[in-house]
Amino acid sequence: MRRRAQANGLRPQLDRMIVAIARRMVEGGEDSNYYEWLGETIRSLEPRLIGMGILREGEIGVDNLTDRLREEALTARQPFVVGPMGAAFVRTPIGG
């Protein structure tokens, strides 16, 4: 990765910083984005899960789920594992 960064004109320090930021975002730890992502995903799915009879109203406690996920992972000193995610970016013309 370092050689690729240097070949593209990036400084080695920037390379390390980018890797550190990426790791913090996806590997867990206190500042991971995954806690909020999973909490908000469950919040959005909760009405459907209740409607399907999989959950009962208030069973999960989505209002503090993100905090509880973070606390449990950090207390247990265990990794926070979620399924794979993908993203895409597309530019489209504005107007018709």
N, C-alpha and C. Protein backbone atom coordinates (compact mmCIF):
# COMPACT_ATOMS: atom_id res chain seq x y z
N MET A 1 0.82 -1.18 0.00
CA MET A 1 0.00 0.00 0.00
C MET A 1 0.88 1.26 0.00
N ARG A 2 1.97 1.19 0.72
CA ARG A 2 2.87 2.34 0.80
C ARG A 2 3.41 2.70 -0.59
N ARG A 3 3.82 1.68 -1.35
CA ARG A 3 4.36 1.95 -2.69
C ARG A 3 3.30 2.57 -3.60
N ARG A 4 2.08 2.07 -3.50
CA ARG A 4 1.01 2.64 -4.31
C ARG A 4 0.76 4.09 -3.94
N ALA A 5 0.76 4.37 -2.63
CA ALA A 5 0.54 5.75 -2.18
C ALA A 5 1.64 6.67 -2.69
N GLN A 6 2.88 6.23 -2.57
CA GLN A 6 4.01 7.04 -3.03
C GLN A 6 3.96 7.22 -4.55
N ALA A 7 3.59 6.17 -5.27
CA ALA A 7 3.49 6.26 -6.73
C ALA A 7 2.43 7.27 -7.15
N ASN A 8 1.43 7.46 -6.29
CA ASN A 8 0.37 8.43 -6.59
C ASN A 8 0.63 9.78 -5.96
N GLY A 9 1.84 9.98 -5.43
CA GLY A 9 2.21 11.28 -4.90
C GLY A 9 1.83 11.53 -3.45
N LEU A 10 1.38 10.52 -2.74
CA LEU A 10 1.02 10.69 -1.33
C LEU A 10 2.25 10.50 -0.45
N ARG A 11 2.32 11.25 0.60
CA ARG A 11 3.41 11.11 1.56
C ARG A 11 3.18 9.86 2.41
N PRO A 12 4.25 9.17 2.85
CA PRO A 12 4.09 7.98 3.71
C PRO A 12 3.29 8.27 4.98
N GLN A 13 3.44 9.47 5.56
CA GLN A 13 2.68 9.81 6.77
C GLN A 13 1.18 9.83 6.47
N LEU A 14 0.83 10.35 5.31
CA LEU A 14 -0.57 10.39 4.92
C LEU A 14 -1.10 8.99 4.72
N ASP A 15 -0.28 8.13 4.15
CA ASP A 15 -0.64 6.73 3.96
C ASP A 15 -1.01 6.09 5.29
N ARG A 16 -0.16 6.28 6.30
CA ARG A 16 -0.43 5.70 7.63
C ARG A 16 -1.70 6.29 8.23
N MET A 17 -1.90 7.59 8.03
CA MET A 17 -3.08 8.24 8.58
C MET A 17 -4.36 7.69 7.93
N ILE A 18 -4.33 7.50 6.62
CA ILE A 18 -5.50 6.96 5.92
C ILE A 18 -5.82 5.55 6.42
N VAL A 19 -4.79 4.73 6.56
CA VAL A 19 -5.00 3.36 7.07
C VAL A 19 -5.57 3.41 8.48
N ALA A 20 -5.06 4.28 9.33
CA ALA A 20 -5.55 4.39 10.71
C ALA A 20 -7.01 4.82 10.74
N ILE A 21 -7.37 5.78 9.90
CA ILE A 21 -8.76 6.23 9.85
C ILE A 21 -9.66 5.11 9.36
N ALA A 22 -9.26 4.41 8.31
CA ALA A 22 -10.07 3.31 7.78
C ALA A 22 -10.25 2.22 8.83
N ARG A 23 -9.17 1.89 9.55
CA ARG A 23 -9.29 0.86 10.57
C ARG A 23 -10.25 1.28 11.67
N ARG A 24 -10.17 2.53 12.10
CA ARG A 24 -11.05 3.01 13.17
C ARG A 24 -12.50 2.94 12.72
N MET A 25 -12.74 3.21 11.44
CA MET A 25 -14.11 3.21 10.95
C MET A 25 -14.70 1.82 10.85
N VAL A 26 -13.89 0.83 10.51
CA VAL A 26 -14.47 -0.48 10.21
C VAL A 26 -14.08 -1.61 11.14
N GLU A 27 -13.06 -1.45 11.94
CA GLU A 27 -12.61 -2.57 12.75
C GLU A 27 -13.22 -2.62 14.14
N GLY A 28 -14.02 -1.69 14.49
CA GLY A 28 -14.59 -1.68 15.82
C GLY A 28 -13.91 -0.64 16.67
N GLY A 29 -13.89 -0.90 17.95
CA GLY A 29 -13.34 0.10 18.85
C GLY A 29 -14.41 1.11 19.20
N GLU A 30 -14.07 1.97 20.08
CA GLU A 30 -15.05 2.92 20.63
C GLU A 30 -15.66 3.84 19.57
N ASP A 31 -14.88 4.22 18.58
CA ASP A 31 -15.35 5.19 17.59
C ASP A 31 -15.87 4.57 16.30
N SER A 32 -16.07 3.25 16.29
CA SER A 32 -16.53 2.59 15.07
C SER A 32 -17.89 3.11 14.64
N ASN A 33 -18.06 3.22 13.33
CA ASN A 33 -19.36 3.62 12.78
C ASN A 33 -20.37 2.48 12.78
N TYR A 34 -19.91 1.27 12.97
CA TYR A 34 -20.80 0.11 12.89
C TYR A 34 -21.85 0.08 14.00
N TYR A 35 -21.56 0.59 15.18
CA TYR A 35 -22.55 0.58 16.26
C TYR A 35 -23.78 1.36 15.83
N GLU A 36 -23.55 2.57 15.34
CA GLU A 36 -24.67 3.40 14.91
C GLU A 36 -25.35 2.81 13.69
N TRP A 37 -24.55 2.28 12.75
CA TRP A 37 -25.13 1.69 11.55
C TRP A 37 -26.10 0.56 11.91
N LEU A 38 -25.67 -0.34 12.79
CA LEU A 38 -26.53 -1.46 13.16
C LEU A 38 -27.73 -0.98 13.97
N GLY A 39 -27.51 -0.06 14.90
CA GLY A 39 -28.61 0.46 15.70
C GLY A 39 -29.69 1.11 14.83
N GLU A 40 -29.27 1.92 13.87
CA GLU A 40 -30.23 2.59 13.00
C GLU A 40 -30.88 1.62 12.01
N THR A 41 -30.14 0.60 11.59
CA THR A 41 -30.72 -0.43 10.73
C THR A 41 -31.84 -1.16 11.46
N ILE A 42 -31.58 -1.56 12.69
CA ILE A 42 -32.61 -2.25 13.48
C ILE A 42 -33.79 -1.31 13.74
N ARG A 43 -33.51 -0.03 14.01
CA ARG A 43 -34.60 0.94 14.22
C ARG A 43 -35.51 0.99 12.99
N SER A 44 -34.93 1.02 11.81
CA SER A 44 -35.75 1.11 10.60
C SER A 44 -36.49 -0.19 10.30
N LEU A 45 -35.91 -1.32 10.72
CA LEU A 45 -36.57 -2.61 10.48
C LEU A 45 -37.58 -2.98 11.55
N GLU A 46 -37.50 -2.36 12.70
CA GLU A 46 -38.33 -2.75 13.85
C GLU A 46 -39.83 -2.82 13.53
N PRO A 47 -40.43 -1.83 12.87
CA PRO A 47 -41.87 -1.94 12.60
C PRO A 47 -42.22 -3.18 11.77
N ARG A 48 -41.39 -3.49 10.80
CA ARG A 48 -41.65 -4.67 9.97
C ARG A 48 -41.45 -5.96 10.76
N LEU A 49 -40.42 -6.00 11.59
CA LEU A 49 -40.17 -7.19 12.41
C LEU A 49 -41.31 -7.42 13.41
N ILE A 50 -41.85 -6.34 13.94
CA ILE A 50 -43.00 -6.45 14.84
C ILE A 50 -44.21 -6.95 14.06
N GLY A 51 -44.43 -6.36 12.88
CA GLY A 51 -45.55 -6.77 12.03
C GLY A 51 -45.49 -8.23 11.62
N MET A 52 -44.29 -8.75 11.48
CA MET A 52 -44.11 -10.16 11.10
C MET A 52 -44.17 -11.09 12.31
N GLY A 53 -44.26 -10.52 13.50
CA GLY A 53 -44.32 -11.33 14.71
C GLY A 53 -42.96 -11.83 15.19
N ILE A 54 -41.88 -11.28 14.64
CA ILE A 54 -40.54 -11.69 15.04
C ILE A 54 -40.14 -11.01 16.34
N LEU A 55 -40.59 -9.77 16.52
CA LEU A 55 -40.33 -9.00 17.75
C LEU A 55 -41.64 -8.54 18.35
N ARG A 56 -41.58 -8.22 19.63
CA ARG A 56 -42.71 -7.57 20.29
C ARG A 56 -42.35 -6.09 20.48
N GLU A 57 -43.34 -5.24 20.54
CA GLU A 57 -43.15 -3.81 20.73
C GLU A 57 -42.26 -3.55 21.95
N GLY A 58 -41.20 -2.77 21.76
CA GLY A 58 -40.30 -2.39 22.85
C GLY A 58 -39.32 -3.47 23.29
N GLU A 59 -39.30 -4.59 22.63
CA GLU A 59 -38.45 -5.71 23.05
C GLU A 59 -36.96 -5.39 22.93
N ILE A 60 -36.57 -4.65 21.91
CA ILE A 60 -35.15 -4.38 21.68
C ILE A 60 -34.70 -3.11 22.38
N GLY A 61 -35.54 -2.11 22.48
CA GLY A 61 -35.13 -0.84 23.06
C GLY A 61 -34.22 -0.08 22.12
N VAL A 62 -34.73 0.25 20.93
CA VAL A 62 -33.90 0.86 19.91
C VAL A 62 -33.37 2.24 20.28
N ASP A 63 -33.99 2.90 21.24
CA ASP A 63 -33.55 4.26 21.59
C ASP A 63 -32.13 4.29 22.15
N ASN A 64 -31.71 3.22 22.80
CA ASN A 64 -30.34 3.20 23.32
C ASN A 64 -29.55 1.98 22.82
N LEU A 65 -30.00 1.38 21.74
CA LEU A 65 -29.35 0.18 21.21
C LEU A 65 -27.90 0.45 20.79
N THR A 66 -27.66 1.57 20.13
CA THR A 66 -26.30 1.90 19.69
C THR A 66 -25.34 1.95 20.89
N ASP A 67 -25.75 2.63 21.94
CA ASP A 67 -24.90 2.73 23.13
C ASP A 67 -24.67 1.37 23.79
N ARG A 68 -25.72 0.54 23.83
CA ARG A 68 -25.58 -0.78 24.44
C ARG A 68 -24.67 -1.68 23.63
N LEU A 69 -24.77 -1.61 22.30
CA LEU A 69 -23.88 -2.41 21.44
C LEU A 69 -22.43 -2.02 21.68
N ARG A 70 -22.17 -0.71 21.71
CA ARG A 70 -20.80 -0.22 21.92
C ARG A 70 -20.29 -0.66 23.29
N GLU A 71 -21.10 -0.47 24.32
CA GLU A 71 -20.68 -0.81 25.68
C GLU A 71 -20.39 -2.30 25.82
N GLU A 72 -21.26 -3.13 25.26
CA GLU A 72 -21.06 -4.57 25.37
C GLU A 72 -19.79 -5.03 24.65
N ALA A 73 -19.57 -4.51 23.45
CA ALA A 73 -18.37 -4.90 22.69
C ALA A 73 -17.10 -4.46 23.41
N LEU A 74 -17.10 -3.25 23.95
CA LEU A 74 -15.91 -2.75 24.64
C LEU A 74 -15.68 -3.45 25.97
N THR A 75 -16.75 -3.71 26.71
CA THR A 75 -16.64 -4.40 27.99
C THR A 75 -16.13 -5.82 27.81
N ALA A 76 -16.66 -6.50 26.81
CA ALA A 76 -16.26 -7.89 26.55
C ALA A 76 -14.92 -7.97 25.83
N ARG A 77 -14.44 -6.83 25.33
CA ARG A 77 -13.19 -6.79 24.57
C ARG A 77 -13.23 -7.80 23.41
N GLN A 78 -14.38 -7.81 22.76
CA GLN A 78 -14.60 -8.70 21.63
C GLN A 78 -14.83 -7.88 20.37
N PRO A 79 -14.51 -8.42 19.22
CA PRO A 79 -14.76 -7.68 17.99
C PRO A 79 -16.26 -7.54 17.74
N PHE A 80 -16.61 -6.50 17.06
CA PHE A 80 -17.99 -6.25 16.66
C PHE A 80 -18.09 -6.64 15.20
N VAL A 81 -18.75 -7.73 14.91
CA VAL A 81 -18.78 -8.27 13.55
C VAL A 81 -20.16 -8.03 12.94
N VAL A 82 -20.15 -7.46 11.75
CA VAL A 82 -21.39 -7.26 11.01
C VAL A 82 -21.19 -7.83 9.62
N GLY A 83 -22.27 -7.96 8.89
CA GLY A 83 -22.19 -8.49 7.54
C GLY A 83 -21.51 -7.54 6.59
N PRO A 84 -21.17 -8.02 5.42
CA PRO A 84 -20.51 -7.17 4.43
C PRO A 84 -21.44 -6.07 3.95
N MET A 85 -20.86 -4.93 3.63
CA MET A 85 -21.62 -3.81 3.09
C MET A 85 -20.97 -3.38 1.80
N GLY A 86 -21.73 -2.76 0.96
CA GLY A 86 -21.19 -2.20 -0.27
C GLY A 86 -21.77 -0.82 -0.47
N ALA A 87 -21.11 -0.04 -1.25
CA ALA A 87 -21.57 1.30 -1.55
C ALA A 87 -21.18 1.65 -2.98
N ALA A 88 -21.86 2.60 -3.53
CA ALA A 88 -21.55 3.04 -4.89
C ALA A 88 -21.78 4.54 -4.99
N PHE A 89 -21.06 5.17 -5.89
CA PHE A 89 -21.23 6.59 -6.15
C PHE A 89 -21.39 6.76 -7.64
N VAL A 90 -22.42 7.48 -8.03
CA VAL A 90 -22.68 7.68 -9.46
C VAL A 90 -23.00 9.15 -9.68
N ARG A 91 -22.44 9.72 -10.70
CA ARG A 91 -22.79 11.08 -11.10
C ARG A 91 -23.85 10.99 -12.20
N THR A 92 -24.90 11.75 -12.03
CA THR A 92 -25.94 11.80 -13.07
C THR A 92 -26.12 13.25 -13.50
N PRO A 93 -26.50 13.45 -14.74
CA PRO A 93 -26.71 14.83 -15.18
C PRO A 93 -27.91 15.46 -14.47
N ILE A 94 -27.78 16.74 -14.19
CA ILE A 94 -28.88 17.47 -13.56
C ILE A 94 -29.78 18.00 -14.68
N GLY A 95 -31.05 17.88 -14.47
CA GLY A 95 -31.98 18.36 -15.49
C GLY A 95 -32.30 17.25 -16.48
N GLY A 96 -32.96 17.59 -17.51
CA GLY A 96 -33.44 16.55 -18.37
C GLY A 96 -32.76 16.36 -19.61
